Amino acid sequence: MAYVGIDIGGTKCAVVKGDLNGITEKIRFDTVGLDETLTKIFDAVGRLLPADAIGVSCGGPLDERSGVIMSPPNLHGWDNIPITDMLTERFGIPAYLCNDANASALAEWKFVAGRGVSNMIFLTFGTGLGAGLILGGRLYSGTSGMAGEVGHVRLSEGDGPVGFGKRGSFEGYCSGGGIKQLAQIFATRRLEDGEPIPWADNEGKISKLTTKYVAELAKGGDPFALEIFEESAKRLGEGLSILIDILNPERIVIGSVYARCVELFYPKMMEVIRREALAKSVAECEILPAELGEQIGDYAALTVAMKGNEE
């Protein structure tokens, strides 16, 4: 059987074709205005048919059951778009919608890092932090499709970084956007205390700090950059400890920033987990970096089509 997957992102879209053996064709283009982007999506799907089903992966909020995209913050103007009905009416084959965290969880579970387990948590750890939950061998999305929004959990009071609109949240500490904030907070404090930071020695440089730059410094052994990642790793351990105690997963797979910087996170993260979580649950849980890398969006969308066609 052949499937078409549509990965809708804030800056890029991809339409792919593939099967259980992987992706065979791909069309990629910029995300622009709503109407122009939809036209490009429909044109790309038409070029890749025939297929047995279409899957759409997109950031939330979504109504997965009715197949409606409901005003995602990174997709201006995408207000209540009935994407699956539009695709089915145009091409005459079933279409399915899934949020990108759930879709990515399905992809890692079906193709690579999660294969062979029944209970898995996938964490995005990209610009933001979301989770996809595979429980009892099935995707768990909750009563209204909102399960897995772990980034909203508050880990600390006070002046921590903001994520999910909440200061001190899991996402605030453990995301690309959160680590950038941490770097800015830490650098400002250091400079206010009179401690020089050669690579962030004025307000202009502080405002331009990025997660990628700080990660490069940390990998090179810079002590201040290592301190920033140690704080994020500590909070990652705290958040994962909660998930391990509640869900008792066999495997946790973490993508994006974590997958690129495992060596900066793993030692401190595991130190915290071993201290905070139940020992038996920790012993039964393997924590791995995601394996699909830059292809995860493509495989996520393809897997949505496969899952929908199986149900």
Foldseek 3Di string as FASTA:
>chain_A
DKEWFWEDDLFKIKIFMDDLVDTDDMDMDTQDADVVVVVVVLVVVVVPDDGQEFFYEAADDDQFVQQFHDCDVSHPPRHGHNVQVVNCVVPVHGYTYAYNQQLLVLLCCSPHDNDPFQWEWEWAQEQWTWIWTRHRNRTDQDDRSPPTRQQAAADDDDQAADGPNDHRGLRLLRHFNNLLVLQLVLQVVCVVVVHADVQQHDPVSSVVDGSVVLLVVVVVPDPSSLVSLLRSLLSLLVSVQVVLQVRLGQEYEYEDPCLVRVVSRPPSSVVSNCVRHDPVSVVRYYYYYRDCHPCSSRSSRRSRGVVVVVD
